[in-house]
Amino acid sequence: MNEPPHDPAEQRVAPRRSLIVPVTVMVAADRRLVGRTLDVSAVGLGLTLPESLPSGSAVAVAFDLPTPMSGHVPIRAGARIAYCALVPKSGHYRTGVQWVTMTEEMRRIVRAFSIGLQGV
């Protein structure tokens, strides 16, 4: 029996919460891509980008996480591209990143947001 094709965008190792905000991905010191987040978790981020990036690439990610307490928290972290796949209807690339470097405070805030805690 044939298995359905594996979709890396559907892998979930931690709770994720939908989040649609602008995101900047620094690919190199002089190359920046602007996209939109899709969902966030304590271990990574789903987003869309206008270009494909190779799996395993090191990037820096920046976005603002909305919070009821402070309005927003700027999230800045190092990450690695886990997958990147063209979405034919939009022409954008569904991209998943895994956090590599993130302060413990940012990780706590992202984790609380991803599981729906309101006190962030």
PDB file of N, CA and C in Angstrom:
ATOM      1  N   MET A   1       0.839  -1.169   0.000  1.00  0.00           N
ATOM      2  CA  MET A   1       0.000   0.000   0.000  1.00  0.00           C
ATOM      3  C   MET A   1       0.891   1.242   0.000  1.00  0.00           C
ATOM      4  N   ASN A   2       0.553   2.233  -0.831  1.00  0.00           N
ATOM      5  CA  ASN A   2       1.339   3.460  -0.914  1.00  0.00           C
ATOM      6  C   ASN A   2       0.961   4.425   0.195  1.00  0.00           C
ATOM      7  N   GLU A   3       1.991   5.012   0.812  1.00  0.00           N
ATOM      8  CA  GLU A   3       1.779   6.041   1.831  1.00  0.00           C
ATOM      9  C   GLU A   3       1.525   7.367   1.124  1.00  0.00           C
ATOM     10  N   PRO A   4       0.709   8.251   1.729  1.00  0.00           N
ATOM     11  CA  PRO A   4       0.556   9.580   1.128  1.00  0.00           C
ATOM     12  C   PRO A   4       1.883  10.326   1.211  1.00  0.00           C
ATOM     13  N   PRO A   5       2.117  11.276   0.310  1.00  0.00           N
ATOM     14  CA  PRO A   5       3.377  12.019   0.355  1.00  0.00           C
ATOM     15  C   PRO A   5       3.537  12.715   1.701  1.00  0.00           C
ATOM     16  N   HIS A   6       4.755  12.730   2.190  1.00  0.00           N
ATOM     17  CA  HIS A   6       5.060  13.363   3.468  1.00  0.00           C
ATOM     18  C   HIS A   6       5.049  14.876   3.295  1.00  0.00           C
ATOM     19  N   ASP A   7       4.340  15.586   4.146  1.00  0.00           N
ATOM     20  CA  ASP A   7       4.288  17.045   4.116  1.00  0.00           C
ATOM     21  C   ASP A   7       4.987  17.574   5.351  1.00  0.00           C
ATOM     22  N   PRO A   8       6.212  18.111   5.220  1.00  0.00           N
ATOM     23  CA  PRO A   8       6.943  18.569   6.391  1.00  0.00           C
ATOM     24  C   PRO A   8       6.240  19.695   7.121  1.00  0.00           C
ATOM     25  N   ALA A   9       5.378  20.437   6.437  1.00  0.00           N
ATOM     26  CA  ALA A   9       4.655  21.534   7.083  1.00  0.00           C
ATOM     27  C   ALA A   9       3.687  21.017   8.135  1.00  0.00           C
ATOM     28  N   GLU A  10       3.360  19.740   8.091  1.00  0.00           N
ATOM     29  CA  GLU A  10       2.398  19.191   9.039  1.00  0.00           C
ATOM     30  C   GLU A  10       3.030  18.491  10.231  1.00  0.00           C
ATOM     31  N   GLN A  11       4.357  18.446  10.304  1.00  0.00           N
ATOM     32  CA  GLN A  11       5.018  17.856  11.463  1.00  0.00           C
ATOM     33  C   GLN A  11       4.811  18.776  12.663  1.00  0.00           C
ATOM     34  N   ARG A  12       4.506  18.198  13.807  1.00  0.00           N
ATOM     35  CA  ARG A  12       4.302  18.990  15.009  1.00  0.00           C
ATOM     36  C   ARG A  12       4.958  18.293  16.187  1.00  0.00           C
ATOM     37  N   VAL A  13       6.001  18.894  16.730  1.00  0.00           N
ATOM     38  CA  VAL A  13       6.644  18.336  17.914  1.00  0.00           C
ATOM     39  C   VAL A  13       6.322  19.168  19.148  1.00  0.00           C
ATOM     40  N   ALA A  14       5.675  20.307  18.959  1.00  0.00           N
ATOM     41  CA  ALA A  14       5.276  21.171  20.069  1.00  0.00           C
ATOM     42  C   ALA A  14       3.996  21.891  19.670  1.00  0.00           C
ATOM     43  N   PRO A  15       3.196  22.301  20.652  1.00  0.00           N
ATOM     44  CA  PRO A  15       1.974  23.040  20.318  1.00  0.00           C
ATOM     45  C   PRO A  15       2.303  24.298  19.522  1.00  0.00           C
ATOM     46  N   ARG A  16       1.504  24.552  18.507  1.00  0.00           N
ATOM     47  CA  ARG A  16       1.674  25.746  17.675  1.00  0.00           C
ATOM     48  C   ARG A  16       0.408  26.584  17.738  1.00  0.00           C
ATOM     49  N   ARG A  17       0.617  27.868  17.573  1.00  0.00           N
ATOM     50  CA  ARG A  17      -0.517  28.788  17.556  1.00  0.00           C
ATOM     51  C   ARG A  17      -0.412  29.644  16.303  1.00  0.00           C
ATOM     52  N   SER A  18      -1.541  29.823  15.661  1.00  0.00           N
ATOM     53  CA  SER A  18      -1.584  30.659  14.466  1.00  0.00           C
ATOM     54  C   SER A  18      -1.140  32.082  14.801  1.00  0.00           C
ATOM     55  N   LEU A  19      -0.364  32.659  13.902  1.00  0.00           N
ATOM     56  CA  LEU A  19       0.123  34.022  14.086  1.00  0.00           C
ATOM     57  C   LEU A  19       0.435  34.593  12.711  1.00  0.00           C
ATOM     58  N   ILE A  20      -0.281  35.649  12.335  1.00  0.00           N
ATOM     59  CA  ILE A  20      -0.053  36.279  11.037  1.00  0.00           C
ATOM     60  C   ILE A  20       0.451  37.700  11.280  1.00  0.00           C
ATOM     61  N   VAL A  21       1.767  37.862  11.191  1.00  0.00           N
ATOM     62  CA  VAL A  21       2.414  39.172  11.334  1.00  0.00           C
ATOM     63  C   VAL A  21       3.591  39.230  10.372  1.00  0.00           C
ATOM     64  N   PRO A  22       4.052  40.440  10.039  1.00  0.00           N
ATOM     65  CA  PRO A  22       5.244  40.536   9.185  1.00  0.00           C
ATOM     66  C   PRO A  22       6.464  39.931   9.873  1.00  0.00           C
ATOM     67  N   VAL A  23       7.342  39.339   9.070  1.00  0.00           N
ATOM     68  CA  VAL A  23       8.576  38.743   9.586  1.00  0.00           C
ATOM     69  C   VAL A  23       9.723  39.105   8.638  1.00  0.00           C
ATOM     70  N   THR A  24      10.881  39.343   9.225  1.00  0.00           N
ATOM     71  CA  THR A  24      12.087  39.596   8.439  1.00  0.00           C
ATOM     72  C   THR A  24      13.050  38.441   8.678  1.00  0.00           C
ATOM     73  N   VAL A  25      13.594  37.921   7.592  1.00  0.00           N
ATOM     74  CA  VAL A  25      14.560  36.827   7.664  1.00  0.00           C
ATOM     75  C   VAL A  25      15.861  37.331   7.051  1.00  0.00           C
ATOM     76  N   MET A  26      16.892  37.387   7.884  1.00  0.00           N
ATOM     77  CA  MET A  26      18.223  37.783   7.406  1.00  0.00           C
ATOM     78  C   MET A  26      18.943  36.517   6.949  1.00  0.00           C
ATOM     79  N   VAL A  27      19.227  36.460   5.662  1.00  0.00           N
ATOM     80  CA  VAL A  27      19.877  35.297   5.085  1.00  0.00           C
ATOM     81  C   VAL A  27      21.390  35.469   5.133  1.00  0.00           C
ATOM     82  N   ALA A  28      21.847  36.670   4.958  1.00  0.00           N
ATOM     83  CA  ALA A  28      23.266  37.032   5.032  1.00  0.00           C
ATOM     84  C   ALA A  28      23.315  38.469   5.523  1.00  0.00           C
ATOM     85  N   ALA A  29      24.498  38.956   5.808  1.00  0.00           N
ATOM     86  CA  ALA A  29      24.638  40.312   6.358  1.00  0.00           C
ATOM     87  C   ALA A  29      23.976  41.360   5.472  1.00  0.00           C
ATOM     88  N   ASP A  30      23.934  41.111   4.168  1.00  0.00           N
ATOM     89  CA  ASP A  30      23.376  42.106   3.255  1.00  0.00           C
ATOM     90  C   ASP A  30      22.129  41.622   2.509  1.00  0.00           C
ATOM     91  N   ARG A  31      21.545  40.526   2.951  1.00  0.00           N
ATOM     92  CA  ARG A  31      20.365  39.970   2.254  1.00  0.00           C
ATOM     93  C   ARG A  31      19.246  39.700   3.244  1.00  0.00           C
ATOM     94  N   ARG A  32      18.124  40.373   3.019  1.00  0.00           N
ATOM     95  CA  ARG A  32      16.986  40.258   3.919  1.00  0.00           C
ATOM     96  C   ARG A  32      15.732  39.968   3.100  1.00  0.00           C
ATOM     97  N   LEU A  33      14.937  39.015   3.592  1.00  0.00           N
ATOM     98  CA  LEU A  33      13.657  38.686   2.966  1.00  0.00           C
ATOM     99  C   LEU A  33      12.536  39.078   3.921  1.00  0.00           C
ATOM    100  N   VAL A  34      11.458  39.603   3.373  1.00  0.00           N
ATOM    101  CA  VAL A  34      10.306  39.966   4.188  1.00  0.00           C
ATOM    102  C   VAL A  34       9.159  39.050   3.809  1.00  0.00           C
ATOM    103  N   GLY A  35       8.530  38.479   4.834  1.00  0.00           N
ATOM    104  CA  GLY A  35       7.408  37.582   4.604  1.00  0.00           C
ATOM    105  C   GLY A  35       6.356  37.745   5.681  1.00  0.00           C
ATOM    106  N   ARG A  36       5.599  36.670   5.905  1.00  0.00           N
ATOM    107  CA  ARG A  36       4.556  36.657   6.933  1.00  0.00           C
ATOM    108  C   ARG A  36       4.666  35.370   7.724  1.00  0.00           C
ATOM    109  N   THR A  37       4.483  35.497   9.039  1.00  0.00           N
ATOM    110  CA  THR A  37       4.440  34.298   9.859  1.00  0.00           C
ATOM    111  C   THR A  37       3.114  33.588   9.617  1.00  0.00           C
ATOM    112  N   LEU A  38       3.069  32.309   9.920  1.00  0.00           N
ATOM    113  CA  LEU A  38       1.849  31.509   9.838  1.00  0.00           C
ATOM    114  C   LEU A  38       1.490  30.933  11.204  1.00  0.00           C
ATOM    115  N   ASP A  39       2.504  30.379  11.872  1.00  0.00           N
ATOM    116  CA  ASP A  39       2.298  29.828  13.215  1.00  0.00           C
ATOM    117  C   ASP A  39       3.621  29.816  13.958  1.00  0.00           C
ATOM    118  N   VAL A  40       3.531  29.721  15.280  1.00  0.00           N
ATOM    119  CA  VAL A  40       4.732  29.792  16.112  1.00  0.00           C
ATOM    120  C   VAL A  40       4.645  28.756  17.226  1.00  0.00           C
ATOM    121  N   SER A  41       5.814  28.236  17.604  1.00  0.00           N
ATOM    122  CA  SER A  41       5.892  27.315  18.731  1.00  0.00           C
ATOM    123  C   SER A  41       7.201  27.567  19.460  1.00  0.00           C
ATOM    124  N   ALA A  42       7.395  26.873  20.553  1.00  0.00           N
ATOM    125  CA  ALA A  42       8.626  26.999  21.326  1.00  0.00           C
ATOM    126  C   ALA A  42       9.827  26.436  20.568  1.00  0.00           C
ATOM    127  N   VAL A  43       9.587  25.634  19.526  1.00  0.00           N
ATOM    128  CA  VAL A  43      10.700  25.046  18.783  1.00  0.00           C
ATOM    129  C   VAL A  43      10.884  25.620  17.382  1.00  0.00           C
ATOM    130  N   GLY A  44       9.934  26.405  16.902  1.00  0.00           N
ATOM    131  CA  GLY A  44      10.098  26.937  15.557  1.00  0.00           C
ATOM    132  C   GLY A  44       8.986  27.849  15.110  1.00  0.00           C
ATOM    133  N   LEU A  45       9.041  28.168  13.832  1.00  0.00           N
ATOM    134  CA  LEU A  45       8.120  29.134  13.232  1.00  0.00           C
ATOM    135  C   LEU A  45       7.769  28.683  11.827  1.00  0.00           C
ATOM    136  N   GLY A  46       6.494  28.787  11.474  1.00  0.00           N
ATOM    137  CA  GLY A  46       6.054  28.570  10.099  1.00  0.00           C
ATOM    138  C   GLY A  46       5.850  29.939   9.475  1.00  0.00           C
ATOM    139  N   LEU A  47       6.280  30.111   8.229  1.00  0.00           N
ATOM    140  CA  LEU A  47       6.145  31.407   7.582  1.00  0.00           C
ATOM    141  C   LEU A  47       6.090  31.255   6.080  1.00  0.00           C
ATOM    142  N   THR A  48       5.793  32.329   5.392  1.00  0.00           N
ATOM    143  CA  THR A  48       5.859  32.353   3.934  1.00  0.00           C
ATOM    144  C   THR A  48       6.901  33.381   3.529  1.00  0.00           C
ATOM    145  N   LEU A  49       7.650  33.041   2.480  1.00  0.00           N
ATOM    146  CA  LEU A  49       8.688  33.918   1.958  1.00  0.00           C
ATOM    147  C   LEU A  49       8.558  34.011   0.441  1.00  0.00           C
ATOM    148  N   PRO A  50       9.067  35.092  -0.153  1.00  0.00           N
ATOM    149  CA  PRO A  50       8.977  35.240  -1.606  1.00  0.00           C
ATOM    150  C   PRO A  50      10.007  34.409  -2.370  1.00  0.00           C
ATOM    151  N   GLU A  51      11.004  33.848  -1.663  1.00  0.00           N
ATOM    152  CA  GLU A  51      12.061  33.055  -2.304  1.00  0.00           C
ATOM    153  C   GLU A  51      12.279  31.750  -1.550  1.00  0.00           C
ATOM    154  N   SER A  52      12.816  30.791  -2.264  1.00  0.00           N
ATOM    155  CA  SER A  52      13.181  29.516  -1.649  1.00  0.00           C
ATOM    156  C   SER A  52      14.526  29.648  -0.954  1.00  0.00           C
ATOM    157  N   LEU A  53      14.645  28.990   0.202  1.00  0.00           N
ATOM    158  CA  LEU A  53      15.920  28.922   0.923  1.00  0.00           C
ATOM    159  C   LEU A  53      16.271  27.453   1.127  1.00  0.00           C
ATOM    160  N   PRO A  54      17.538  27.099   1.002  1.00  0.00           N
ATOM    161  CA  PRO A  54      17.934  25.697   1.156  1.00  0.00           C
ATOM    162  C   PRO A  54      17.760  25.201   2.589  1.00  0.00           C
ATOM    163  N   SER A  55      17.266  23.986   2.732  1.00  0.00           N
ATOM    164  CA  SER A  55      17.169  23.362   4.061  1.00  0.00           C
ATOM    165  C   SER A  55      18.542  23.353   4.706  1.00  0.00           C
ATOM    166  N   GLY A  56      18.556  23.639   6.001  1.00  0.00           N
ATOM    167  CA  GLY A  56      19.803  23.663   6.746  1.00  0.00           C
ATOM    168  C   GLY A  56      20.463  25.028   6.802  1.00  0.00           C
ATOM    169  N   SER A  57      19.989  25.972   5.998  1.00  0.00           N
ATOM    170  CA  SER A  57      20.583  27.315   6.004  1.00  0.00           C
ATOM    171  C   SER A  57      20.391  27.984   7.348  1.00  0.00           C
ATOM    172  N   ALA A  58      21.427  28.682   7.796  1.00  0.00           N
ATOM    173  CA  ALA A  58      21.339  29.475   9.024  1.00  0.00           C
ATOM    174  C   ALA A  58      20.794  30.849   8.676  1.00  0.00           C
ATOM    175  N   VAL A  59      19.806  31.314   9.460  1.00  0.00           N
ATOM    176  CA  VAL A  59      19.188  32.622   9.242  1.00  0.00           C
ATOM    177  C   VAL A  59      18.956  33.291  10.595  1.00  0.00           C
ATOM    178  N   ALA A  60      18.652  34.572  10.554  1.00  0.00           N
ATOM    179  CA  ALA A  60      18.201  35.304  11.739  1.00  0.00           C
ATOM    180  C   ALA A  60      16.773  35.747  11.457  1.00  0.00           C
ATOM    181  N   VAL A  61      15.905  35.592  12.441  1.00  0.00           N
ATOM    182  CA  VAL A  61      14.482  35.873  12.280  1.00  0.00           C
ATOM    183  C   VAL A  61      14.070  36.993  13.237  1.00  0.00           C
ATOM    184  N   ALA A  62      13.243  37.914  12.735  1.00  0.00           N
ATOM    185  CA  ALA A  62      12.754  39.012  13.571  1.00  0.00           C
ATOM    186  C   ALA A  62      11.276  39.256  13.289  1.00  0.00           C
ATOM    187  N   PHE A  63      10.479  39.261  14.353  1.00  0.00           N
ATOM    188  CA  PHE A  63       9.050  39.588  14.245  1.00  0.00           C
ATOM    189  C   PHE A  63       8.573  40.080  15.598  1.00  0.00           C
ATOM    190  N   ASP A  64       7.397  40.692  15.618  1.00  0.00           N
ATOM    191  CA  ASP A  64       6.806  41.167  16.866  1.00  0.00           C
ATOM    192  C   ASP A  64       5.663  40.244  17.262  1.00  0.00           C
ATOM    193  N   LEU A  65       5.754  39.709  18.457  1.00  0.00           N
ATOM    194  CA  LEU A  65       4.736  38.808  18.999  1.00  0.00           C
ATOM    195  C   LEU A  65       3.720  39.646  19.758  1.00  0.00           C
ATOM    196  N   PRO A  66       2.448  39.639  19.331  1.00  0.00           N
ATOM    197  CA  PRO A  66       1.444  40.439  20.055  1.00  0.00           C
ATOM    198  C   PRO A  66       1.156  39.842  21.429  1.00  0.00           C
ATOM    199  N   THR A  67       1.050  40.709  22.428  1.00  0.00           N
ATOM    200  CA  THR A  67       0.754  40.259  23.781  1.00  0.00           C
ATOM    201  C   THR A  67      -0.258  41.198  24.420  1.00  0.00           C
ATOM    202  N   PRO A  68      -1.152  40.657  25.246  1.00  0.00           N
ATOM    203  CA  PRO A  68      -2.154  41.510  25.887  1.00  0.00           C
ATOM    204  C   PRO A  68      -1.537  42.447  26.933  1.00  0.00           C
ATOM    205  N   MET A  69      -0.413  42.053  27.530  1.00  0.00           N
ATOM    206  CA  MET A  69       0.170  42.849  28.606  1.00  0.00           C
ATOM    207  C   MET A  69       0.951  44.056  28.086  1.00  0.00           C
ATOM    208  N   SER A  70       1.745  43.864  27.043  1.00  0.00           N
ATOM    209  CA  SER A  70       2.627  44.944  26.603  1.00  0.00           C
ATOM    210  C   SER A  70       2.394  45.403  25.170  1.00  0.00           C
ATOM    211  N   GLY A  71       1.391  44.870  24.513  1.00  0.00           N
ATOM    212  CA  GLY A  71       1.139  45.230  23.122  1.00  0.00           C
ATOM    213  C   GLY A  71       1.883  44.321  22.160  1.00  0.00           C
ATOM    214  N   HIS A  72       3.199  44.227  22.322  1.00  0.00           N
ATOM    215  CA  HIS A  72       3.995  43.300  21.519  1.00  0.00           C
ATOM    216  C   HIS A  72       5.366  43.121  22.157  1.00  0.00           C
ATOM    217  N   VAL A  73       5.971  42.001  21.830  1.00  0.00           N
ATOM    218  CA  VAL A  73       7.331  41.705  22.284  1.00  0.00           C
ATOM    219  C   VAL A  73       8.154  41.432  21.027  1.00  0.00           C
ATOM    220  N   PRO A  74       9.262  42.161  20.824  1.00  0.00           N
ATOM    221  CA  PRO A  74      10.106  41.874  19.672  1.00  0.00           C
ATOM    222  C   PRO A  74      10.849  40.543  19.869  1.00  0.00           C
ATOM    223  N   ILE A  75      10.667  39.644  18.932  1.00  0.00           N
ATOM    224  CA  ILE A  75      11.349  38.348  18.975  1.00  0.00           C
ATOM    225  C   ILE A  75      12.464  38.385  17.942  1.00  0.00           C
ATOM    226  N   ARG A  76      13.678  38.108  18.403  1.00  0.00           N
ATOM    227  CA  ARG A  76      14.861  38.071  17.545  1.00  0.00           C
ATOM    228  C   ARG A  76      15.611  36.795  17.886  1.00  0.00           C
ATOM    229  N   ALA A  77      15.848  35.954  16.884  1.00  0.00           N
ATOM    230  CA  ALA A  77      16.479  34.669  17.173  1.00  0.00           C
ATOM    231  C   ALA A  77      17.210  34.134  15.956  1.00  0.00           C
ATOM    232  N   GLY A  78      18.209  33.314  16.228  1.00  0.00           N
ATOM    233  CA  GLY A  78      18.871  32.567  15.167  1.00  0.00           C
ATOM    234  C   GLY A  78      18.067  31.306  14.899  1.00  0.00           C
ATOM    235  N   ALA A  79      18.036  30.891  13.647  1.00  0.00           N
ATOM    236  CA  ALA A  79      17.236  29.722  13.284  1.00  0.00           C
ATOM    237  C   ALA A  79      17.901  28.990  12.120  1.00  0.00           C
ATOM    238  N   ARG A  80      17.363  27.804  11.848  1.00  0.00           N
ATOM    239  CA  ARG A  80      17.820  26.986  10.726  1.00  0.00           C
ATOM    240  C   ARG A  80      16.589  26.634   9.889  1.00  0.00           C
ATOM    241  N   ILE A  81      16.734  26.711   8.574  1.00  0.00           N
ATOM    242  CA  ILE A  81      15.634  26.349   7.672  1.00  0.00           C
ATOM    243  C   ILE A  81      15.420  24.840   7.756  1.00  0.00           C
ATOM    244  N   ALA A  82      14.215  24.438   8.144  1.00  0.00           N
ATOM    245  CA  ALA A  82      13.881  23.017   8.241  1.00  0.00           C
ATOM    246  C   ALA A  82      13.318  22.500   6.913  1.00  0.00           C
ATOM    247  N   TYR A  83      12.532  23.329   6.243  1.00  0.00           N
ATOM    248  CA  TYR A  83      11.984  22.966   4.931  1.00  0.00           C
ATOM    249  C   TYR A  83      11.539  24.230   4.221  1.00  0.00           C
ATOM    250  N   CYS A  84      11.385  24.139   2.915  1.00  0.00           N
ATOM    251  CA  CYS A  84      10.908  25.259   2.110  1.00  0.00           C
ATOM    252  C   CYS A  84      10.240  24.658   0.878  1.00  0.00           C
ATOM    253  N   ALA A  85       8.963  24.944   0.688  1.00  0.00           N
ATOM    254  CA  ALA A  85       8.221  24.341  -0.413  1.00  0.00           C
ATOM    255  C   ALA A  85       7.338  25.389  -1.095  1.00  0.00           C
ATOM    256  N   LEU A  86       7.356  25.384  -2.407  1.00  0.00           N
ATOM    257  CA  LEU A  86       6.541  26.313  -3.189  1.00  0.00           C
ATOM    258  C   LEU A  86       5.057  26.031  -2.980  1.00  0.00           C
ATOM    259  N   VAL A  87       4.287  27.087  -2.770  1.00  0.00           N
ATOM    260  CA  VAL A  87       2.830  27.002  -2.730  1.00  0.00           C
ATOM    261  C   VAL A  87       2.363  27.551  -4.080  1.00  0.00           C
ATOM    262  N   PRO A  88       2.031  26.664  -5.024  1.00  0.00           N
ATOM    263  CA  PRO A  88       1.762  27.101  -6.399  1.00  0.00           C
ATOM    264  C   PRO A  88       0.702  28.194  -6.537  1.00  0.00           C
ATOM    265  N   LYS A  89      -0.356  28.129  -5.755  1.00  0.00           N
ATOM    266  CA  LYS A  89      -1.432  29.121  -5.899  1.00  0.00           C
ATOM    267  C   LYS A  89      -0.967  30.533  -5.565  1.00  0.00           C
ATOM    268  N   SER A  90      -0.055  30.663  -4.615  1.00  0.00           N
ATOM    269  CA  SER A  90       0.383  31.995  -4.194  1.00  0.00           C
ATOM    270  C   SER A  90       1.720  32.409  -4.804  1.00  0.00           C
ATOM    271  N   GLY A  91       2.531  31.425  -5.204  1.00  0.00           N
ATOM    272  CA  GLY A  91       3.859  31.732  -5.704  1.00  0.00           C
ATOM    273  C   GLY A  91       4.866  31.988  -4.596  1.00  0.00           C
ATOM    274  N   HIS A  92       4.415  31.888  -3.342  1.00  0.00           N
ATOM    275  CA  HIS A  92       5.317  32.055  -2.201  1.00  0.00           C
ATOM    276  C   HIS A  92       5.791  30.684  -1.719  1.00  0.00           C
ATOM    277  N   TYR A  93       6.745  30.701  -0.813  1.00  0.00           N
ATOM    278  CA  TYR A  93       7.316  29.473  -0.285  1.00  0.00           C
ATOM    279  C   TYR A  93       6.927  29.292   1.171  1.00  0.00           C
ATOM    280  N   ARG A  94       6.251  28.191   1.452  1.00  0.00           N
ATOM    281  CA  ARG A  94       5.933  27.812   2.829  1.00  0.00           C
ATOM    282  C   ARG A  94       7.252  27.325   3.430  1.00  0.00           C
ATOM    283  N   THR A  95       7.661  27.977   4.511  1.00  0.00           N
ATOM    284  CA  THR A  95       8.975  27.716   5.096  1.00  0.00           C
ATOM    285  C   THR A  95       8.828  27.419   6.573  1.00  0.00           C
ATOM    286  N   GLY A  96       9.593  26.467   7.045  1.00  0.00           N
ATOM    287  CA  GLY A  96       9.626  26.166   8.471  1.00  0.00           C
ATOM    288  C   GLY A  96      11.031  26.395   8.989  1.00  0.00           C
ATOM    289  N   VAL A  97      11.126  27.053  10.127  1.00  0.00           N
ATOM    290  CA  VAL A  97      12.434  27.246  10.749  1.00  0.00           C
ATOM    291  C   VAL A  97      12.413  26.652  12.144  1.00  0.00           C
ATOM    292  N   GLN A  98      13.567  26.185  12.565  1.00  0.00           N
ATOM    293  CA  GLN A  98      13.774  25.671  13.921  1.00  0.00           C
ATOM    294  C   GLN A  98      14.631  26.680  14.650  1.00  0.00           C
ATOM    295  N   TRP A  99      14.224  27.046  15.868  1.00  0.00           N
ATOM    296  CA  TRP A  99      15.034  27.965  16.663  1.00  0.00           C
ATOM    297  C   TRP A  99      16.378  27.312  16.978  1.00  0.00           C
ATOM    298  N   VAL A 100      17.451  28.083  16.848  1.00  0.00           N
ATOM    299  CA  VAL A 100      18.786  27.621  17.188  1.00  0.00           C
ATOM    300  C   VAL A 100      19.308  28.420  18.382  1.00  0.00           C
ATOM    301  N   THR A 101      19.228  29.723  18.279  1.00  0.00           N
ATOM    302  CA  THR A 101      19.644  30.581  19.388  1.00  0.00           C
ATOM    303  C   THR A 101      18.507  31.535  19.723  1.00  0.00           C
ATOM    304  N   MET A 102      18.125  31.523  20.990  1.00  0.00           N
ATOM    305  CA  MET A 102      17.043  32.378  21.474  1.00  0.00           C
ATOM    306  C   MET A 102      17.268  32.531  22.972  1.00  0.00           C
ATOM    307  N   THR A 103      17.090  33.728  23.491  1.00  0.00           N
ATOM    308  CA  THR A 103      17.264  33.898  24.930  1.00  0.00           C
ATOM    309  C   THR A 103      16.202  33.093  25.672  1.00  0.00           C
ATOM    310  N   GLU A 104      16.502  32.719  26.884  1.00  0.00           N
ATOM    311  CA  GLU A 104      15.534  31.962  27.690  1.00  0.00           C
ATOM    312  C   GLU A 104      14.252  32.768  27.901  1.00  0.00           C
ATOM    313  N   GLU A 105      14.367  34.076  28.066  1.00  0.00           N
ATOM    314  CA  GLU A 105      13.182  34.919  28.256  1.00  0.00           C
ATOM    315  C   GLU A 105      12.314  34.912  26.996  1.00  0.00           C
ATOM    316  N   MET A 106      12.920  35.045  25.834  1.00  0.00           N
ATOM    317  CA  MET A 106      12.143  34.991  24.587  1.00  0.00           C
ATOM    318  C   MET A 106      11.510  33.627  24.416  1.00  0.00           C
ATOM    319  N   ARG A 107      12.255  32.563  24.732  1.00  0.00           N
ATOM    320  CA  ARG A 107      11.711  31.208  24.611  1.00  0.00           C
ATOM    321  C   ARG A 107      10.506  31.028  25.533  1.00  0.00           C
ATOM    322  N   ARG A 108      10.585  31.561  26.748  1.00  0.00           N
ATOM    323  CA  ARG A 108       9.467  31.481  27.688  1.00  0.00           C
ATOM    324  C   ARG A 108       8.242  32.217  27.141  1.00  0.00           C
ATOM    325  N   ILE A 109       8.457  33.396  26.577  1.00  0.00           N
ATOM    326  CA  ILE A 109       7.353  34.189  26.028  1.00  0.00           C
ATOM    327  C   ILE A 109       6.721  33.492  24.835  1.00  0.00           C
ATOM    328  N   VAL A 110       7.542  32.972  23.921  1.00  0.00           N
ATOM    329  CA  VAL A 110       7.028  32.274  22.735  1.00  0.00           C
ATOM    330  C   VAL A 110       6.277  31.014  23.156  1.00  0.00           C
ATOM    331  N   ARG A 111       6.828  30.251  24.101  1.00  0.00           N
ATOM    332  CA  ARG A 111       6.166  29.038  24.578  1.00  0.00           C
ATOM    333  C   ARG A 111       4.803  29.371  25.188  1.00  0.00           C
ATOM    334  N   ALA A 112       4.758  30.391  26.046  1.00  0.00           N
ATOM    335  CA  ALA A 112       3.489  30.788  26.671  1.00  0.00           C
ATOM    336  C   ALA A 112       2.471  31.205  25.614  1.00  0.00           C
ATOM    337  N   PHE A 113       2.895  31.976  24.627  1.00  0.00           N
ATOM    338  CA  PHE A 113       1.995  32.379  23.553  1.00  0.00           C
ATOM    339  C   PHE A 113       1.483  31.171  22.788  1.00  0.00           C
ATOM    340  N   SER A 114       2.379  30.246  22.465  1.00  0.00           N
ATOM    341  CA  SER A 114       2.001  29.104  21.633  1.00  0.00           C
ATOM    342  C   SER A 114       1.009  28.163  22.301  1.00  0.00           C
ATOM    343  N   ILE A 115       0.990  28.150  23.645  1.00  0.00           N
ATOM    344  CA  ILE A 115       0.012  27.297  24.324  1.00  0.00           C
ATOM    345  C   ILE A 115      -1.193  28.085  24.837  1.00  0.00           C
ATOM    346  N   GLY A 116      -1.233  29.379  24.476  1.00  0.00           N
ATOM    347  CA  GLY A 116      -2.427  30.172  24.759  1.00  0.00           C
ATOM    348  C   GLY A 116      -2.485  30.830  26.122  1.00  0.00           C
ATOM    349  N   LEU A 117      -1.360  30.932  26.826  1.00  0.00           N
ATOM    350  CA  LEU A 117      -1.366  31.622  28.115  1.00  0.00           C
ATOM    351  C   LEU A 117      -1.564  33.109  27.884  1.00  0.00           C
ATOM    352  N   GLN A 118      -2.376  33.736  28.687  1.00  0.00           N
ATOM    353  CA  GLN A 118      -2.718  35.148  28.505  1.00  0.00           C
ATOM    354  C   GLN A 118      -1.796  36.102  29.234  1.00  0.00           C
ATOM    355  N   GLY A 119      -1.028  35.645  30.191  1.00  0.00           N
ATOM    356  CA  GLY A 119      -0.215  36.537  31.022  1.00  0.00           C
ATOM    357  C   GLY A 119       1.113  36.934  30.423  1.00  0.00           C
ATOM    358  N   VAL A 120       1.277  36.817  29.125  1.00  0.00           N
ATOM    359  CA  VAL A 120       2.549  37.120  28.493  1.00  0.00           C
ATOM    360  C   VAL A 120       2.708  38.615  28.358  1.00  0.00           C
TER     361      VAL A 120
END
